[in-house]
N, C-alpha and C. Protein backbone atom coordinates (compact mmCIF):
# COMPACT_ATOMS: atom_id res chain seq x y z
N MET A 1 -39.76 -9.90 -47.13
CA MET A 1 -41.19 -10.40 -46.79
C MET A 1 -41.01 -11.77 -46.34
N ASN A 2 -40.23 -12.53 -46.52
CA ASN A 2 -40.39 -13.67 -46.02
C ASN A 2 -39.88 -13.72 -44.48
N GLN A 3 -39.00 -13.15 -43.99
CA GLN A 3 -38.67 -12.80 -42.57
C GLN A 3 -39.93 -12.13 -41.78
N ALA A 4 -40.65 -11.17 -42.44
CA ALA A 4 -41.58 -10.69 -41.99
C ALA A 4 -42.78 -11.58 -41.65
N GLY A 5 -43.03 -12.52 -42.46
CA GLY A 5 -44.12 -13.41 -42.46
C GLY A 5 -45.25 -13.18 -43.44
N HIS A 6 -44.97 -12.13 -44.34
CA HIS A 6 -46.04 -11.79 -45.38
C HIS A 6 -46.21 -12.68 -46.54
N PRO A 7 -47.39 -13.13 -46.85
CA PRO A 7 -47.42 -14.08 -47.98
C PRO A 7 -47.33 -13.11 -49.34
N TYR A 8 -46.72 -13.34 -50.42
CA TYR A 8 -46.69 -12.34 -51.45
C TYR A 8 -46.43 -13.33 -52.69
N GLU A 9 -46.90 -12.71 -53.73
CA GLU A 9 -46.51 -12.94 -55.21
C GLU A 9 -45.44 -12.25 -55.89
N TRP A 10 -44.65 -13.04 -56.37
CA TRP A 10 -43.28 -12.40 -56.70
C TRP A 10 -43.34 -12.50 -58.47
N LYS A 11 -43.28 -11.48 -59.03
CA LYS A 11 -43.36 -11.41 -60.42
C LYS A 11 -42.01 -10.75 -61.21
N LYS A 12 -41.48 -11.52 -62.14
CA LYS A 12 -39.95 -10.94 -62.62
C LYS A 12 -40.38 -10.16 -63.79
N VAL A 13 -40.10 -8.84 -63.85
CA VAL A 13 -40.11 -8.24 -65.26
C VAL A 13 -38.86 -7.96 -65.66
N ARG A 14 -38.80 -7.94 -67.27
CA ARG A 14 -37.58 -7.66 -67.94
C ARG A 14 -37.21 -6.37 -68.04
N GLY A 15 -36.04 -6.14 -68.29
CA GLY A 15 -35.36 -4.83 -68.66
C GLY A 15 -34.22 -4.46 -67.96
N GLY A 16 -33.44 -5.55 -67.51
CA GLY A 16 -31.99 -5.28 -66.97
C GLY A 16 -31.11 -5.00 -68.12
N THR A 17 -31.44 -5.49 -69.14
CA THR A 17 -30.25 -5.31 -70.26
C THR A 17 -31.12 -4.69 -71.44
N LEU A 18 -30.48 -3.64 -72.05
CA LEU A 18 -31.16 -2.78 -73.18
C LEU A 18 -30.68 -3.35 -74.36
N LYS A 19 -31.02 -4.43 -74.70
CA LYS A 19 -30.88 -4.91 -76.14
C LYS A 19 -31.97 -4.87 -76.98
N MET A 20 -31.72 -4.54 -78.35
CA MET A 20 -32.91 -4.25 -79.07
C MET A 20 -34.02 -5.61 -79.10
N TRP A 21 -33.61 -6.45 -79.04
CA TRP A 21 -34.60 -7.58 -78.96
C TRP A 21 -35.37 -7.85 -77.85
N THR A 22 -34.74 -7.18 -76.74
CA THR A 22 -35.53 -7.08 -75.43
C THR A 22 -36.53 -5.91 -75.20
N TRP A 23 -36.57 -5.02 -76.30
CA TRP A 23 -37.51 -3.82 -76.09
C TRP A 23 -38.81 -4.06 -75.85
N PRO A 24 -39.62 -5.01 -76.77
CA PRO A 24 -40.88 -5.19 -76.62
C PRO A 24 -41.29 -5.59 -75.40
N SER A 25 -40.68 -6.89 -74.89
CA SER A 25 -40.95 -7.40 -73.43
C SER A 25 -40.68 -6.44 -72.37
N ARG A 26 -39.60 -5.73 -72.59
CA ARG A 26 -39.33 -4.67 -71.51
C ARG A 26 -40.48 -3.53 -71.42
N ALA A 27 -40.81 -3.19 -72.57
CA ALA A 27 -41.80 -2.20 -72.74
C ALA A 27 -43.19 -2.52 -72.00
N ARG A 28 -43.61 -3.92 -72.30
CA ARG A 28 -44.94 -4.34 -71.90
C ARG A 28 -44.62 -4.57 -70.33
N ASP A 29 -43.62 -5.09 -69.68
CA ASP A 29 -43.52 -5.39 -68.33
C ASP A 29 -43.38 -3.94 -67.79
N ARG A 30 -42.51 -2.85 -68.36
CA ARG A 30 -42.36 -1.74 -67.52
C ARG A 30 -43.70 -0.83 -67.55
N ALA A 31 -44.37 -1.18 -68.70
CA ALA A 31 -45.73 -0.34 -68.60
C ALA A 31 -46.79 -0.70 -67.38
N GLU A 32 -46.45 -2.04 -67.31
CA GLU A 32 -47.44 -2.52 -66.25
C GLU A 32 -47.02 -1.87 -64.72
N VAL A 33 -45.68 -1.82 -64.63
CA VAL A 33 -45.13 -1.34 -63.33
C VAL A 33 -45.41 0.17 -63.43
N GLU A 34 -45.27 0.95 -64.52
CA GLU A 34 -45.61 2.22 -64.49
C GLU A 34 -47.24 2.51 -64.14
N GLN A 35 -47.80 1.61 -64.69
CA GLN A 35 -49.26 1.86 -64.22
C GLN A 35 -49.75 1.51 -62.87
N LEU A 36 -49.13 0.84 -62.42
CA LEU A 36 -49.33 0.34 -60.92
C LEU A 36 -48.71 1.47 -60.02
N SER A 37 -47.41 2.07 -60.43
CA SER A 37 -46.85 2.74 -59.34
C SER A 37 -46.48 4.21 -59.90
N GLY A 38 -46.65 4.56 -61.23
CA GLY A 38 -46.42 5.77 -61.68
C GLY A 38 -44.86 6.07 -62.02
N GLN A 39 -44.16 4.98 -61.78
CA GLN A 39 -42.67 4.78 -62.31
C GLN A 39 -42.37 3.69 -63.02
N ARG A 40 -41.40 3.66 -63.74
CA ARG A 40 -40.93 2.41 -64.42
C ARG A 40 -39.83 1.40 -63.77
N GLY A 41 -39.31 2.11 -62.55
CA GLY A 41 -38.46 1.44 -61.66
C GLY A 41 -38.70 0.29 -60.69
N VAL A 42 -38.22 -0.75 -60.64
CA VAL A 42 -38.51 -1.78 -59.78
C VAL A 42 -37.31 -1.92 -58.41
N PRO A 43 -37.68 -2.46 -57.62
CA PRO A 43 -38.90 -3.18 -57.10
C PRO A 43 -40.15 -2.14 -56.49
N ILE A 44 -41.25 -2.92 -56.64
CA ILE A 44 -42.49 -2.17 -56.04
C ILE A 44 -43.23 -3.38 -55.33
N LEU A 45 -43.94 -2.83 -54.49
CA LEU A 45 -44.89 -3.82 -53.68
C LEU A 45 -46.16 -3.41 -53.73
N VAL A 46 -47.12 -3.90 -54.47
CA VAL A 46 -48.57 -3.70 -54.38
C VAL A 46 -49.23 -4.51 -53.26
N LEU A 47 -49.84 -3.33 -52.43
CA LEU A 47 -50.70 -3.96 -51.05
C LEU A 47 -51.96 -4.41 -51.59
N ASP A 48 -52.64 -5.26 -50.82
CA ASP A 48 -54.04 -5.76 -51.13
C ASP A 48 -54.93 -4.42 -51.34
N ASP A 49 -54.94 -3.26 -50.70
CA ASP A 49 -55.68 -2.21 -50.72
C ASP A 49 -55.09 -1.19 -51.97
N GLY A 50 -54.11 -1.78 -52.75
CA GLY A 50 -53.92 -0.92 -54.00
C GLY A 50 -52.47 -0.21 -53.60
N GLU A 51 -52.33 0.07 -52.43
CA GLU A 51 -51.28 1.13 -52.16
C GLU A 51 -49.91 0.50 -52.70
N VAL A 52 -48.81 1.38 -53.37
CA VAL A 52 -47.78 0.70 -53.76
C VAL A 52 -46.62 1.48 -53.04
N ILE A 53 -45.73 0.45 -52.68
CA ILE A 53 -44.43 0.79 -51.90
C ILE A 53 -43.32 0.59 -52.99
N ALA A 54 -42.55 1.80 -53.28
CA ALA A 54 -41.55 1.66 -54.13
C ALA A 54 -40.19 1.62 -53.64
N GLY A 55 -39.26 0.72 -54.04
CA GLY A 55 -37.93 0.84 -53.77
C GLY A 55 -37.74 -0.39 -52.65
N SER A 56 -36.50 -1.03 -52.51
CA SER A 56 -36.24 -2.00 -51.67
C SER A 56 -36.22 -1.55 -50.31
N GLY A 57 -35.70 -0.42 -50.03
CA GLY A 57 -35.49 0.06 -48.68
C GLY A 57 -36.81 0.39 -48.08
N GLU A 58 -37.78 0.95 -48.71
CA GLU A 58 -39.14 1.29 -48.26
C GLU A 58 -39.94 0.04 -48.25
N ILE A 59 -39.68 -0.82 -49.08
CA ILE A 59 -40.50 -2.35 -48.89
C ILE A 59 -40.01 -2.96 -47.56
N VAL A 60 -38.84 -3.10 -47.33
CA VAL A 60 -38.23 -3.55 -46.10
C VAL A 60 -38.71 -2.55 -44.74
N ARG A 61 -38.51 -1.53 -45.01
CA ARG A 61 -39.26 -0.62 -44.05
C ARG A 61 -40.67 -1.06 -43.50
N TRP A 62 -41.48 -1.14 -44.72
CA TRP A 62 -42.92 -1.18 -44.49
C TRP A 62 -43.06 -2.77 -43.78
N ALA A 63 -42.35 -3.75 -44.31
CA ALA A 63 -42.41 -4.95 -43.69
C ALA A 63 -42.16 -5.20 -42.16
N HIS A 64 -41.11 -4.34 -41.90
CA HIS A 64 -40.88 -4.20 -40.52
C HIS A 64 -41.78 -3.61 -39.73
N GLU A 65 -42.51 -2.58 -40.17
CA GLU A 65 -43.31 -1.60 -39.52
C GLU A 65 -44.74 -2.31 -39.50
N HIS A 66 -44.85 -3.40 -40.26
CA HIS A 66 -46.36 -4.20 -40.57
C HIS A 66 -45.91 -5.48 -40.27
N PRO A 67 -45.72 -6.18 -39.07
CA PRO A 67 -45.44 -7.60 -39.22
C PRO A 67 -46.74 -8.37 -39.26
N ALA A 68 -46.74 -9.43 -39.87
CA ALA A 68 -47.84 -10.31 -40.20
C ALA A 68 -48.25 -10.81 -38.91
N ALA A 69 -49.65 -10.67 -38.83
CA ALA A 69 -50.27 -11.45 -37.63
C ALA A 69 -49.90 -12.66 -37.23
N ASN A 70 -49.54 -13.65 -38.23
CA ASN A 70 -48.94 -14.88 -37.72
C ASN A 70 -47.43 -14.98 -37.65
N ALA A 71 -46.63 -14.00 -37.77
CA ALA A 71 -45.25 -13.87 -37.78
C ALA A 71 -44.73 -14.09 -36.41
N SER A 72 -43.64 -14.82 -35.97
CA SER A 72 -43.26 -14.50 -34.74
C SER A 72 -42.25 -13.67 -34.83
N ALA A 73 -42.19 -12.97 -33.58
CA ALA A 73 -41.35 -11.62 -33.45
C ALA A 73 -40.08 -11.95 -33.19
């Protein structure tokens, strides 16, 4: 996203390690991801119009296919 020139807000979600003490925060974070995307996996990109792009490869593809208006080519 940086190279494509798109402004974005980055949010870290918990869940990399499944330890008993991480379950409550992981459940909250992943519930939000699931509400937005229909899945619990990350990364996801939520566009201004509400469309969700899931997966790093798909996010990179979207960024390449939709250069920012102020981005240099």
